[in-house]
C-alpha atoms as a PDB file:
ATOM      1  CA  MET A   1      81.043  34.838 157.367  1.00  0.00           C
ATOM      2  CA  ARG A   2      84.338  34.797 155.816  1.00  0.00           C
ATOM      3  CA  ILE A   3      87.411  33.881 157.990  1.00  0.00           C
ATOM      4  CA  LEU A   4      90.395  35.965 157.657  1.00  0.00           C
ATOM      5  CA  ALA A   5      93.647  34.259 157.924  1.00  0.00           C
ATOM      6  CA  ALA A   6      95.972  33.886 160.334  1.00  0.00           C
ATOM      7  CA  LYS A   7      99.256  35.047 160.345  1.00  0.00           C
ATOM      8  CA  LYS A   8     100.929  31.410 159.959  1.00  0.00           C
ATOM      9  CA  ARG A   9     102.643  29.961 162.856  1.00  0.00           C
ATOM     10  CA  GLY A  10     104.897  27.125 162.950  1.00  0.00           C
ATOM     11  CA  MET A  11     103.620  23.583 163.364  1.00  0.00           C
ATOM     12  CA  GLN A  12     102.391  22.405 167.053  1.00  0.00           C
ATOM     13  CA  HIS A  13     100.465  19.470 168.226  1.00  0.00           C
ATOM     14  CA  LEU A  14      97.834  19.714 171.036  1.00  0.00           C
ATOM     15  CA  LYS A  15      95.731  16.491 172.769  1.00  0.00           C
ATOM     16  CA  GLY A  16      92.356  16.293 173.938  1.00  0.00           C
ATOM     17  CA  THR A  17      89.811  13.954 174.861  1.00  0.00           C
ATOM     18  CA  PRO A  18      87.921  12.481 172.176  1.00  0.00           C
ATOM     19  CA  LEU A  19      84.316  12.409 172.019  1.00  0.00           C
ATOM     20  CA  SER A  20      83.041  12.283 168.449  1.00  0.00           C
ATOM     21  CA  ASN A  21      84.717   9.863 165.927  1.00  0.00           C
ATOM     22  CA  GLY A  22      86.166  10.917 162.728  1.00  0.00           C
ATOM     23  CA  LEU A  23      89.216  12.815 160.882  1.00  0.00           C
ATOM     24  CA  SER A  24      88.737  16.380 159.707  1.00  0.00           C
ATOM     25  CA  ARG A  25      90.517  19.144 158.301  1.00  0.00           C
ATOM     26  CA  GLY A  26      90.047  22.798 158.080  1.00  0.00           C
ATOM     27  CA  GLN A  27      90.303  26.174 159.249  1.00  0.00           C
ATOM     28  CA  ALA A  28      89.848  27.093 162.605  1.00  0.00           C
ATOM     29  CA  TYR A  29      87.120  29.502 163.939  1.00  0.00           C
ATOM     30  CA  VAL A  30      87.652  30.954 167.155  1.00  0.00           C
ATOM     31  CA  TYR A  31      84.353  31.517 169.096  1.00  0.00           C
ATOM     32  CA  SER A  32      83.296  33.793 171.865  1.00  0.00           C
ATOM     33  CA  ASP A  33      79.745  34.587 173.500  1.00  0.00           C
ATOM     34  CA  VAL A  34      77.896  37.629 174.758  1.00  0.00           C
ATOM     35  CA  LEU A  35      78.537  36.181 178.616  1.00  0.00           C
ATOM     36  CA  GLU A  36      82.158  37.049 178.454  1.00  0.00           C
ATOM     37  CA  SER A  37      82.027  40.451 177.674  1.00  0.00           C
ATOM     38  CA  ARG A  38      81.154  43.371 180.329  1.00  0.00           C
ATOM     39  CA  GLN A  39      77.272  44.311 180.774  1.00  0.00           C
ATOM     40  CA  ALA A  40      75.969  47.313 181.299  1.00  0.00           C
ATOM     41  CA  SER A  41      75.086  48.371 184.814  1.00  0.00           C
ATOM     42  CA  TYR A  42      73.030  51.185 185.981  1.00  0.00           C
ATOM     43  CA  ASN A  43      70.330  51.949 189.452  1.00  0.00           C
ATOM     44  CA  ILE A  44      66.873  52.219 188.592  1.00  0.00           C
ATOM     45  CA  ARG A  45      63.850  54.371 190.606  1.00  0.00           C
ATOM     46  CA  LYS A  46      60.937  52.536 192.136  1.00  0.00           C
ATOM     47  CA  ASP A  47      59.072  53.983 189.476  1.00  0.00           C
ATOM     48  CA  GLN A  48      60.796  52.150 186.909  1.00  0.00           C
ATOM     49  CA  PHE A  49      60.430  49.280 188.196  1.00  0.00           C
ATOM     50  CA  GLY A  50      57.981  48.116 186.161  1.00  0.00           C
ATOM     51  CA  ALA A  51      59.091  49.068 182.889  1.00  0.00           C
ATOM     52  CA  GLU A  52      62.599  46.852 183.825  1.00  0.00           C
ATOM     53  CA  TYR A  53      60.685  43.747 184.837  1.00  0.00           C
ATOM     54  CA  GLN A  54      58.379  43.846 181.385  1.00  0.00           C
ATOM     55  CA  ARG A  55      61.981  43.882 180.034  1.00  0.00           C
ATOM     56  CA  ILE A  56      62.823  40.742 181.656  1.00  0.00           C
ATOM     57  CA  GLN A  57      59.615  39.464 180.817  1.00  0.00           C
ATOM     58  CA  ASN A  58      59.689  40.263 176.871  1.00  0.00           C
ATOM     59  CA  ALA A  59      63.137  38.882 177.317  1.00  0.00           C
ATOM     60  CA  LYS A  60      61.661  35.138 178.590  1.00  0.00           C
ATOM     61  CA  GLU A  61      58.875  35.204 176.387  1.00  0.00           C
ATOM     62  CA  SER A  62      61.450  35.848 173.501  1.00  0.00           C
ATOM     63  CA  VAL A  63      63.312  32.801 174.892  1.00  0.00           C
ATOM     64  CA  ARG A  64      60.572  30.559 175.178  1.00  0.00           C
ATOM     65  CA  ARG A  65      59.857  30.688 171.475  1.00  0.00           C
ATOM     66  CA  HIS A  66      63.282  30.696 170.201  1.00  0.00           C
ATOM     67  CA  LEU A  67      63.489  27.472 172.583  1.00  0.00           C
ATOM     68  CA  PHE A  68      60.457  26.072 171.276  1.00  0.00           C
ATOM     69  CA  ASP A  69      61.787  26.621 167.402  1.00  0.00           C
ATOM     70  CA  SER A  70      64.729  24.804 168.269  1.00  0.00           C
ATOM     71  CA  ALA A  71      63.274  22.321 169.534  1.00  0.00           C
ATOM     72  CA  LYS A  72      61.120  21.538 166.309  1.00  0.00           C
ATOM     73  CA  ARG A  73      64.045  22.197 164.073  1.00  0.00           C
ATOM     74  CA  ILE A  74      66.562  19.448 165.670  1.00  0.00           C
ATOM     75  CA  LYS A  75      63.646  17.309 166.149  1.00  0.00           C
ATOM     76  CA  SER A  76      63.162  17.443 162.323  1.00  0.00           C
ATOM     77  CA  ALA A  77      67.111  17.483 161.659  1.00  0.00           C
ATOM     78  CA  VAL A  78      68.183  14.806 164.009  1.00  0.00           C
ATOM     79  CA  SER A  79      65.980  12.922 166.387  1.00  0.00           C
ATOM     80  CA  ARG A  80      63.212  13.696 168.905  1.00  0.00           C
ATOM     81  CA  ASP A  81      65.439  12.553 171.620  1.00  0.00           C
ATOM     82  CA  VAL A  82      67.844  15.868 171.285  1.00  0.00           C
ATOM     83  CA  ALA A  83      64.867  18.013 170.762  1.00  0.00           C
ATOM     84  CA  ASP A  84      64.005  17.265 174.027  1.00  0.00           C
ATOM     85  CA  ILE A  85      67.374  19.094 175.763  1.00  0.00           C
ATOM     86  CA  PHE A  86      65.032  22.267 174.583  1.00  0.00           C
ATOM     87  CA  ILE A  87      61.663  21.450 175.701  1.00  0.00           C
ATOM     88  CA  ALA A  88      63.409  20.597 179.098  1.00  0.00           C
ATOM     89  CA  GLN A  89      65.071  24.069 179.118  1.00  0.00           C
ATOM     90  CA  GLU A  90      61.515  25.410 178.517  1.00  0.00           C
ATOM     91  CA  SER A  91      60.175  23.984 181.784  1.00  0.00           C
ATOM     92  CA  MET A  92      63.597  25.407 183.458  1.00  0.00           C
ATOM     93  CA  LEU A  93      62.829  28.914 181.983  1.00  0.00           C
ATOM     94  CA  VAL A  94      59.160  29.047 183.562  1.00  0.00           C
ATOM     95  CA  ASP A  95      60.429  27.401 187.033  1.00  0.00           C
ATOM     96  CA  PRO A  96      57.762  29.273 189.615  1.00  0.00           C
ATOM     97  CA  GLN A  97      61.298  29.704 191.598  1.00  0.00           C
ATOM     98  CA  LEU A  98      63.056  31.197 188.982  1.00  0.00           C
ATOM     99  CA  VAL A  99      60.268  33.561 187.702  1.00  0.00           C
ATOM    100  CA  ASP A 100      60.060  34.566 191.701  1.00  0.00           C
ATOM    101  CA  ASP A 101      63.805  35.072 192.272  1.00  0.00           C
ATOM    102  CA  LEU A 102      64.394  37.484 189.115  1.00  0.00           C
ATOM    103  CA  LYS A 103      60.939  39.378 190.730  1.00  0.00           C
ATOM    104  CA  GLN A 104      62.269  39.891 193.997  1.00  0.00           C
ATOM    105  CA  THR A 105      66.098  40.387 193.086  1.00  0.00           C
ATOM    106  CA  LEU A 106      65.089  43.265 191.011  1.00  0.00           C
ATOM    107  CA  LYS A 107      62.903  44.528 194.076  1.00  0.00           C
ATOM    108  CA  MET A 108      65.915  44.361 196.374  1.00  0.00           C
ATOM    109  CA  ARG A 109      69.013  45.502 194.333  1.00  0.00           C
ATOM    110  CA  HIS A 110      66.807  48.675 192.257  1.00  0.00           C
ATOM    111  CA  VAL A 111      69.368  47.607 189.223  1.00  0.00           C
ATOM    112  CA  ASN A 112      68.860  47.088 185.146  1.00  0.00           C
ATOM    113  CA  ALA A 113      67.766  43.856 183.993  1.00  0.00           C
ATOM    114  CA  GLU A 114      71.206  42.760 183.009  1.00  0.00           C
ATOM    115  CA  GLN A 115      72.321  43.052 186.119  1.00  0.00           C
ATOM    116  CA  VAL A 116      69.422  41.448 187.594  1.00  0.00           C
ATOM    117  CA  VAL A 117      69.327  38.534 185.218  1.00  0.00           C
ATOM    118  CA  GLY A 118      73.342  37.827 185.500  1.00  0.00           C
ATOM    119  CA  THR A 119      73.022  37.632 189.418  1.00  0.00           C
ATOM    120  CA  VAL A 120      70.252  35.381 189.567  1.00  0.00           C
ATOM    121  CA  PHE A 121      71.251  32.755 187.160  1.00  0.00           C
ATOM    122  CA  ARG A 122      74.675  32.954 188.280  1.00  0.00           C
ATOM    123  CA  ARG A 123      73.692  32.268 191.615  1.00  0.00           C
ATOM    124  CA  TRP A 124      71.230  28.950 190.267  1.00  0.00           C
ATOM    125  CA  ILE A 125      74.000  28.163 187.775  1.00  0.00           C
ATOM    126  CA  ARG A 126      76.609  27.936 191.414  1.00  0.00           C
ATOM    127  CA  LYS A 127      73.287  26.194 192.984  1.00  0.00           C
ATOM    128  CA  PHE A 128      73.592  23.038 190.230  1.00  0.00           C
ATOM    129  CA  ARG A 129      77.207  22.817 190.167  1.00  0.00           C
ATOM    130  CA  GLU A 130      77.586  22.343 193.858  1.00  0.00           C
ATOM    131  CA  ALA A 131      74.963  19.752 193.985  1.00  0.00           C
ATOM    132  CA  PRO A 132      75.762  16.235 195.413  1.00  0.00           C
ATOM    133  CA  SER A 133      74.020  14.702 192.178  1.00  0.00           C
ATOM    134  CA  GLN A 134      76.237  14.593 188.499  1.00  0.00           C
ATOM    135  CA  ILE A 135      73.031  14.790 186.590  1.00  0.00           C
ATOM    136  CA  LEU A 136      72.050  18.071 188.621  1.00  0.00           C
ATOM    137  CA  ASN A 137      76.054  19.065 187.679  1.00  0.00           C
ATOM    138  CA  GLN A 138      75.014  18.775 184.492  1.00  0.00           C
ATOM    139  CA  ARG A 139      72.290  20.918 184.320  1.00  0.00           C
ATOM    140  CA  ALA A 140      74.239  23.303 185.582  1.00  0.00           C
ATOM    141  CA  ASP A 141      74.860  23.855 181.414  1.00  0.00           C
ATOM    142  CA  ASP A 142      71.342  24.276 180.854  1.00  0.00           C
ATOM    143  CA  ILE A 143      71.136  27.252 182.934  1.00  0.00           C
ATOM    144  CA  GLU A 144      73.911  28.582 181.543  1.00  0.00           C
ATOM    145  CA  ASP A 145      72.760  27.912 178.344  1.00  0.00           C
ATOM    146  CA  LEU A 146      69.441  30.082 179.457  1.00  0.00           C
ATOM    147  CA  TYR A 147      71.238  32.696 180.886  1.00  0.00           C
ATOM    148  CA  ARG A 148      73.051  33.467 177.672  1.00  0.00           C
ATOM    149  CA  ARG A 149      70.040  33.246 175.593  1.00  0.00           C
ATOM    150  CA  MET A 150      68.361  35.980 178.209  1.00  0.00           C
ATOM    151  CA  MET A 151      71.429  38.231 177.935  1.00  0.00           C
ATOM    152  CA  GLU A 152      71.393  38.142 173.702  1.00  0.00           C
ATOM    153  CA  VAL A 153      67.613  39.244 173.938  1.00  0.00           C
ATOM    154  CA  LEU A 154      68.389  41.958 176.505  1.00  0.00           C
ATOM    155  CA  VAL A 155      71.249  43.928 174.971  1.00  0.00           C
ATOM    156  CA  GLY A 156      69.743  43.003 171.582  1.00  0.00           C
ATOM    157  CA  ILE A 157      72.296  40.480 169.599  1.00  0.00           C
ATOM    158  CA  GLN A 158      70.312  39.278 166.451  1.00  0.00           C
ATOM    159  CA  SER A 159      72.085  36.587 165.214  1.00  0.00           C
ATOM    160  CA  HIS A 160      74.210  33.850 166.672  1.00  0.00           C
ATOM    161  CA  GLY A 161      77.714  33.774 165.960  1.00  0.00           C
ATOM    162  CA  LEU A 162      77.785  30.215 164.359  1.00  0.00           C
ATOM    163  CA  GLU A 163      75.041  31.013 162.055  1.00  0.00           C
ATOM    164  CA  ARG A 164      76.991  31.766 158.889  1.00  0.00           C
ATOM    165  CA  LEU A 165      80.213  29.792 159.434  1.00  0.00           C
ATOM    166  CA  ALA A 166      82.333  29.147 156.124  1.00  0.00           C
ATOM    167  CA  PRO A 167      82.433  25.704 154.776  1.00  0.00           C
ATOM    168  CA  ASP A 168      85.156  23.142 156.501  1.00  0.00           C
ATOM    169  CA  SER A 169      85.184  25.414 159.511  1.00  0.00           C
ATOM    170  CA  ILE A 170      86.227  23.698 163.102  1.00  0.00           C
ATOM    171  CA  ILE A 171      84.945  25.538 166.023  1.00  0.00           C
ATOM    172  CA  ILE A 172      87.423  26.773 168.739  1.00  0.00           C
ATOM    173  CA  ALA A 173      85.440  27.366 172.105  1.00  0.00           C
ATOM    174  CA  ARG A 174      86.031  26.974 175.369  1.00  0.00           C
ATOM    175  CA  ARG A 175      82.426  25.211 175.783  1.00  0.00           C
ATOM    176  CA  LEU A 176      79.349  24.851 173.560  1.00  0.00           C
ATOM    177  CA  LEU A 177      75.913  24.951 174.811  1.00  0.00           C
ATOM    178  CA  PRO A 178      72.812  23.640 173.072  1.00  0.00           C
ATOM    179  CA  SER A 179      71.570  27.118 171.787  1.00  0.00           C
ATOM    180  CA  ASP A 180      75.382  26.719 169.800  1.00  0.00           C
ATOM    181  CA  THR A 181      74.632  22.740 168.872  1.00  0.00           C
ATOM    182  CA  VAL A 182      71.407  24.420 166.868  1.00  0.00           C
ATOM    183  CA  PHE A 183      73.959  25.338 164.454  1.00  0.00           C
ATOM    184  CA  LEU A 184      76.300  22.576 163.881  1.00  0.00           C
ATOM    185  CA  SER A 185      75.840  21.091 160.611  1.00  0.00           C
ATOM    186  CA  GLN A 186      78.107  18.918 158.417  1.00  0.00           C
ATOM    187  CA  LYS A 187      77.725  21.154 155.421  1.00  0.00           C
ATOM    188  CA  THR A 188      79.782  24.219 157.158  1.00  0.00           C
ATOM    189  CA  CYS A 189      81.324  22.617 160.390  1.00  0.00           C
ATOM    190  CA  SER A 190      84.144  20.004 159.750  1.00  0.00           C
ATOM    191  CA  GLY A 191      85.249  19.369 163.287  1.00  0.00           C
ATOM    192  CA  ILE A 192      84.913  20.629 166.704  1.00  0.00           C
ATOM    193  CA  LEU A 193      87.614  21.700 169.483  1.00  0.00           C
ATOM    194  CA  LEU A 194      86.483  22.298 173.252  1.00  0.00           C
ATOM    195  CA  GLU A 195      88.577  23.434 176.280  1.00  0.00           C
ATOM    196  CA  ILE A 196      85.460  22.006 178.466  1.00  0.00           C
ATOM    197  CA  ALA A 197      83.559  18.913 177.813  1.00  0.00           C
ATOM    198  CA  GLY A 198      82.652  15.514 178.642  1.00  0.00           C
ATOM    199  CA  GLN A 199      80.734  12.750 176.566  1.00  0.00           C
ATOM    200  CA  THR A 200      77.719  13.409 178.085  1.00  0.00           C
ATOM    201  CA  ALA A 201      77.541  17.140 177.324  1.00  0.00           C
ATOM    202  CA  HIS A 202      74.717  18.322 174.457  1.00  0.00           C
ATOM    203  CA  ALA A 203      77.264  19.062 172.197  1.00  0.00           C
ATOM    204  CA  THR A 204      79.531  15.770 172.245  1.00  0.00           C
ATOM    205  CA  ILE A 205      75.762  14.002 171.617  1.00  0.00           C
ATOM    206  CA  LEU A 206      75.062  16.002 169.080  1.00  0.00           C
ATOM    207  CA  ALA A 207      78.132  15.534 167.300  1.00  0.00           C
ATOM    208  CA  ARG A 208      78.151  12.432 167.298  1.00  0.00           C
ATOM    209  CA  GLU A 209      74.286  12.037 166.215  1.00  0.00           C
ATOM    210  CA  ILE A 210      75.085  13.780 162.838  1.00  0.00           C
ATOM    211  CA  GLY A 211      78.334  12.820 162.580  1.00  0.00           C
ATOM    212  CA  ILE A 212      81.006  15.741 163.367  1.00  0.00           C
ATOM    213  CA  PRO A 213      84.750  15.011 164.971  1.00  0.00           C
ATOM    214  CA  CYS A 214      85.129  16.146 168.638  1.00  0.00           C
ATOM    215  CA  ILE A 215      87.760  16.605 170.729  1.00  0.00           C
ATOM    216  CA  GLY A 216      87.233  18.094 174.618  1.00  0.00           C
ATOM    217  CA  GLN A 217      89.220  18.775 177.410  1.00  0.00           C
ATOM    218  CA  VAL A 218      92.170  20.500 175.449  1.00  0.00           C
ATOM    219  CA  PRO A 219      94.049  22.708 177.888  1.00  0.00           C
ATOM    220  CA  GLY A 220      94.696  25.935 177.085  1.00  0.00           C
ATOM    221  CA  LEU A 221      93.272  26.221 173.465  1.00  0.00           C
ATOM    222  CA  LEU A 222      92.156  29.465 172.981  1.00  0.00           C
ATOM    223  CA  GLN A 223      95.274  30.650 174.173  1.00  0.00           C
ATOM    224  CA  GLN A 224      96.942  28.247 171.502  1.00  0.00           C
ATOM    225  CA  ILE A 225      94.709  28.432 168.190  1.00  0.00           C
ATOM    226  CA  GLU A 226      93.684  31.441 166.114  1.00  0.00           C
ATOM    227  CA  THR A 227      90.595  32.073 163.898  1.00  0.00           C
ATOM    228  CA  GLY A 228      92.426  31.247 160.332  1.00  0.00           C
ATOM    229  CA  ASP A 229      95.025  28.189 161.670  1.00  0.00           C
ATOM    230  CA  GLU A 230      94.650  25.225 159.474  1.00  0.00           C
ATOM    231  CA  LEU A 231      94.026  22.314 161.862  1.00  0.00           C
ATOM    232  CA  LEU A 232      94.198  18.604 161.582  1.00  0.00           C
ATOM    233  CA  ILE A 233      92.058  16.452 164.026  1.00  0.00           C
ATOM    234  CA  ASP A 234      91.776  13.143 164.880  1.00  0.00           C
ATOM    235  CA  GLY A 235      88.424  12.465 166.965  1.00  0.00           C
ATOM    236  CA  ARG A 236      89.398   8.676 167.653  1.00  0.00           C
ATOM    237  CA  THR A 237      92.477   9.731 169.309  1.00  0.00           C
ATOM    238  CA  GLY A 238      92.131  12.962 170.505  1.00  0.00           C
ATOM    239  CA  ASP A 239      95.151  14.444 168.603  1.00  0.00           C
ATOM    240  CA  ILE A 240      95.122  18.158 167.025  1.00  0.00           C
ATOM    241  CA  THR A 241      97.511  19.485 164.671  1.00  0.00           C
ATOM    242  CA  VAL A 242      97.968  23.029 164.430  1.00  0.00           C
ATOM    243  CA  ASN A 243      99.438  24.766 161.003  1.00  0.00           C
ATOM    244  CA  PRO A 244     100.606  21.681 159.339  1.00  0.00           C
ATOM    245  CA  THR A 245     103.584  20.941 156.914  1.00  0.00           C
ATOM    246  CA  ARG A 246     102.709  19.358 153.742  1.00  0.00           C
ATOM    247  CA  LYS A 247     104.254  15.956 154.733  1.00  0.00           C
ATOM    248  CA  ALA A 248     101.999  15.726 157.887  1.00  0.00           C
ATOM    249  CA  THR A 249      99.023  16.865 155.788  1.00  0.00           C
ATOM    250  CA  GLU A 250     100.128  14.463 153.218  1.00  0.00           C
ATOM    251  CA  LEU A 251     100.106  11.523 156.306  1.00  0.00           C
ATOM    252  CA  PHE A 252      96.814  12.924 157.959  1.00  0.00           C
ATOM    253  CA  GLU A 253      94.926  12.567 153.864  1.00  0.00           C
ATOM    254  CA  GLU A 254      96.304   9.179 154.022  1.00  0.00           C
ATOM    255  CA  ALA A 255      94.676   7.917 157.113  1.00  0.00           C
ATOM    256  CA  ARG A 256      91.783   9.713 156.612  1.00  0.00           C
ATOM    257  CA  LYS A 257      91.581   7.719 153.268  1.00  0.00           C
ATOM    258  CA  ARG A 258      92.059   4.278 155.550  1.00  0.00           C
ATOM    259  CA  ASN A 259      89.412   5.393 157.674  1.00  0.00           C
ATOM    260  CA  SER A 260      86.772   5.867 155.135  1.00  0.00           C
ATOM    261  CA  LYS A 261      87.301   2.452 153.758  1.00  0.00           C
ATOM    262  CA  SER A 262      87.216   0.883 157.216  1.00  0.00           C
ATOM    263  CA  LEU A 263      83.897   3.140 157.644  1.00  0.00           C
ATOM    264  CA  VAL A 264      82.413   1.186 154.606  1.00  0.00           C
ATOM    265  CA  LEU A 265      83.569  -2.134 155.559  1.00  0.00           C
ATOM    266  CA  ALA A 266      81.786  -1.674 158.553  1.00  0.00           C
ATOM    267  CA  GLN A 267      78.300  -0.761 156.788  1.00  0.00           C
ATOM    268  CA  ARG A 268      78.341  -3.387 154.311  1.00  0.00           C
ATOM    269  CA  HIS A 269      79.163  -6.343 157.544  1.00  0.00           C
ATOM    270  CA  ARG A 270      76.853  -4.386 160.056  1.00  0.00           C
ATOM    271  CA  PHE A 271      73.909  -7.239 159.281  1.00  0.00           C
ATOM    272  CA  ASP A 272      76.733  -9.959 160.046  1.00  0.00           C
ATOM    273  CA  ARG A 273      76.376 -12.191 163.099  1.00  0.00           C
ATOM    274  CA  SER A 274      78.965 -10.604 166.023  1.00  0.00           C
ATOM    275  CA  VAL A 275      81.418 -13.060 167.199  1.00  0.00           C
ATOM    276  CA  THR A 276      84.701 -12.219 169.666  1.00  0.00           C
ATOM    277  CA  ALA A 277      88.300 -13.487 168.070  1.00  0.00           C
ATOM    278  CA  ASP A 278      87.462 -17.202 170.200  1.00  0.00           C
ATOM    279  CA  GLY A 279      84.075 -17.576 167.913  1.00  0.00           C
ATOM    280  CA  ARG A 280      81.471 -16.638 171.544  1.00  0.00           C
ATOM    281  CA  ALA A 281      78.453 -14.721 169.915  1.00  0.00           C
ATOM    282  CA  VAL A 282      77.858 -11.133 171.123  1.00  0.00           C
ATOM    283  CA  ARG A 283      74.592  -9.246 171.080  1.00  0.00           C
ATOM    284  CA  ILE A 284      75.036  -5.660 170.344  1.00  0.00           C
ATOM    285  CA  LEU A 285      72.054  -3.748 171.967  1.00  0.00           C
ATOM    286  CA  ALA A 286      71.486   0.178 171.262  1.00  0.00           C
ATOM    287  CA  ASN A 287      70.806   2.944 173.996  1.00  0.00           C
ATOM    288  CA  VAL A 288      67.125   5.156 172.520  1.00  0.00           C
ATOM    289  CA  GLY A 289      64.883   7.344 173.567  1.00  0.00           C
ATOM    290  CA  SER A 290      62.654   7.797 170.222  1.00  0.00           C
ATOM    291  CA  ARG A 291      61.539   6.144 167.221  1.00  0.00           C
ATOM    292  CA  GLU A 292      64.005   8.299 165.416  1.00  0.00           C
ATOM    293  CA  ASP A 293      66.543   6.926 167.748  1.00  0.00           C
ATOM    294  CA  VAL A 294      65.157   3.119 167.057  1.00  0.00           C
ATOM    295  CA  GLU A 295      65.204   3.259 163.364  1.00  0.00           C
ATOM    296  CA  ALA A 296      68.542   4.314 163.151  1.00  0.00           C
ATOM    297  CA  ALA A 297      69.680   1.125 165.835  1.00  0.00           C
ATOM    298  CA  THR A 298      67.849  -1.176 163.146  1.00  0.00           C
ATOM    299  CA  ALA A 299      69.804   0.471 160.296  1.00  0.00           C
ATOM    300  CA  SER A 300      72.717   0.289 161.945  1.00  0.00           C
ATOM    301  CA  GLY A 301      72.141  -3.799 162.742  1.00  0.00           C
ATOM    302  CA  ALA A 302      70.987  -3.730 166.373  1.00  0.00           C
ATOM    303  CA  ASP A 303      70.174  -7.250 167.596  1.00  0.00           C
ATOM    304  CA  GLY A 304      67.493  -5.746 170.075  1.00  0.00           C
ATOM    305  CA  ILE A 305      66.965  -2.132 172.399  1.00  0.00           C
ATOM    306  CA  GLY A 306      69.398  -2.396 175.708  1.00  0.00           C
ATOM    307  CA  LEU A 307      67.403   0.382 176.945  1.00  0.00           C
ATOM    308  CA  PHE A 308      64.621   2.169 175.868  1.00  0.00           C
ATOM    309  CA  ARG A 309      64.389   5.475 177.665  1.00  0.00           C
ATOM    310  CA  THR A 310      60.764   7.360 178.020  1.00  0.00           C
ATOM    311  CA  GLU A 311      60.867  10.089 179.958  1.00  0.00           C
ATOM    312  CA  GLY A 312      61.411  12.306 177.225  1.00  0.00           C
ATOM    313  CA  PHE A 313      57.733  11.507 176.293  1.00  0.00           C
ATOM    314  CA  PHE A 314      56.772  12.911 179.489  1.00  0.00           C
ATOM    315  CA  ILE A 315      58.769  15.860 179.705  1.00  0.00           C
ATOM    316  CA  ALA A 316      57.247  17.108 176.370  1.00  0.00           C
ATOM    317  CA  ALA A 317      54.019  16.720 177.326  1.00  0.00           C
ATOM    318  CA  LYS A 318      51.780  19.709 178.701  1.00  0.00           C
ATOM    319  CA  VAL A 319      49.488  17.611 180.937  1.00  0.00           C
ATOM    320  CA  LEU A 320      49.994  13.969 182.533  1.00  0.00           C
ATOM    321  CA  PRO A 321      49.604  11.457 179.028  1.00  0.00           C
ATOM    322  CA  THR A 322      46.342   8.783 179.354  1.00  0.00           C
ATOM    323  CA  THR A 323      47.889   4.855 179.458  1.00  0.00           C
ATOM    324  CA  GLU A 324      46.017   4.523 176.112  1.00  0.00           C
ATOM    325  CA  GLU A 325      48.510   7.801 174.600  1.00  0.00           C
ATOM    326  CA  TYR A 326      51.594   6.133 176.591  1.00  0.00           C
ATOM    327  CA  VAL A 327      50.915   2.573 174.973  1.00  0.00           C
ATOM    328  CA  ASP A 328      50.353   4.251 171.378  1.00  0.00           C
ATOM    329  CA  TYR A 329      53.797   5.865 171.511  1.00  0.00           C
ATOM    330  CA  LEU A 330      55.321   3.445 172.573  1.00  0.00           C
ATOM    331  CA  LEU A 331      54.068   0.768 170.168  1.00  0.00           C
ATOM    332  CA  HIS A 332      54.905   3.601 167.302  1.00  0.00           C
ATOM    333  CA  SER A 333      58.372   4.421 168.952  1.00  0.00           C
ATOM    334  CA  LEU A 334      59.365   0.483 168.840  1.00  0.00           C
ATOM    335  CA  GLU A 335      57.626  -0.608 165.839  1.00  0.00           C
ATOM    336  CA  PRO A 336      60.958  -0.739 164.114  1.00  0.00           C
ATOM    337  CA  MET A 337      62.336  -3.358 166.010  1.00  0.00           C
ATOM    338  CA  GLY A 338      59.736  -5.891 164.723  1.00  0.00           C
ATOM    339  CA  ASN A 339      60.367  -9.346 166.939  1.00  0.00           C
ATOM    340  CA  ARG A 340      63.899  -8.010 168.310  1.00  0.00           C
ATOM    341  CA  SER A 341      64.509  -8.158 172.265  1.00  0.00           C
ATOM    342  CA  VAL A 342      63.542  -4.587 173.836  1.00  0.00           C
ATOM    343  CA  ASN A 343      64.055  -3.585 177.602  1.00  0.00           C
ATOM    344  CA  LEU A 344      61.552  -0.493 178.280  1.00  0.00           C
ATOM    345  CA  ARG A 345      62.142   1.408 181.275  1.00  0.00           C
ATOM    346  CA  LEU A 346      58.369   3.045 182.170  1.00  0.00           C
ATOM    347  CA  LEU A 347      59.653   6.093 183.719  1.00  0.00           C
ATOM    348  CA  ASP A 348      62.922   7.347 185.230  1.00  0.00           C
ATOM    349  CA  ILE A 349      61.394  10.294 187.819  1.00  0.00           C
ATOM    350  CA  GLY A 350      64.073  12.501 190.156  1.00  0.00           C
ATOM    351  CA  GLY A 351      64.436  15.902 191.416  1.00  0.00           C
ATOM    352  CA  ASP A 352      66.729  16.518 188.322  1.00  0.00           C
ATOM    353  CA  LYS A 353      63.517  15.994 185.866  1.00  0.00           C
ATOM    354  CA  ASN A 354      60.578  18.722 185.601  1.00  0.00           C
ATOM    355  CA  ILE A 355      57.909  15.873 185.026  1.00  0.00           C
END
């Protein structure tokens, strides 16, 4: 994808919340999705109900296949823990209540599939956002992502807007949903700026996993940055410079070199004993959810596992695992830790998980 050069404007500074560490320089790519455009709306006759409902069913099947492919790709490229996001979404998509809601809404309203999907999914998004549980609130992003996937299939969108980014692109968006994160790669994406995102957002988690600087909660972001703008972003502080002067760019590059040296030094001493300034020993424990996470923690010099989350194993299973399967999974996942200490959570189950 070629980014057209924006008309140069003066340098300006923006500030957001740092979400993923690192310094990056690149060109802005302003991303918008199908949910931000008006969809077709028309009534259907009773004899057209079957065909219109089949459109919804076909879209649902297509989304299920895409979710499976996404989980497989992310598991291979990043980690099983992140891939579990897409497995959980598949469970949501086939929820009997959601399926019935789509069918009943079509029967009652006699409108086209796009309008039915929009009505039902917006209602479910609102229900999750208004729930008293913060965990359920976060599930609203998954529902919104499924809504977008369904709409893309229904309107015939064949490729994703982030699929062919130019190298050194910095993504500018209101928010990124899990289906967007599949296309994030250090080869093309050098940074992410979002109007809406927190520390536990899917995009934030994946950005940290693959080492892409990310800044969120940037007020008026889409009104202040255009595709093609030159950007300098500091994921440590949340500072953003738009269309920097030569002097500002030179200072930024000096800071980036210093940061790189610090990272090399930290890597060199990752297995050293951790102590405070007054000489008190501190144990560094990792929060993990898969063997890949355990391997990464071991390679980074972790002293042990502070929490091993197992619910992803149950969510991914088609049927309830046997005790033997569960023990084999735990032994395989924790093997890289050797004799170091591990805090294991056998299962975290609640209304926010389809287990």
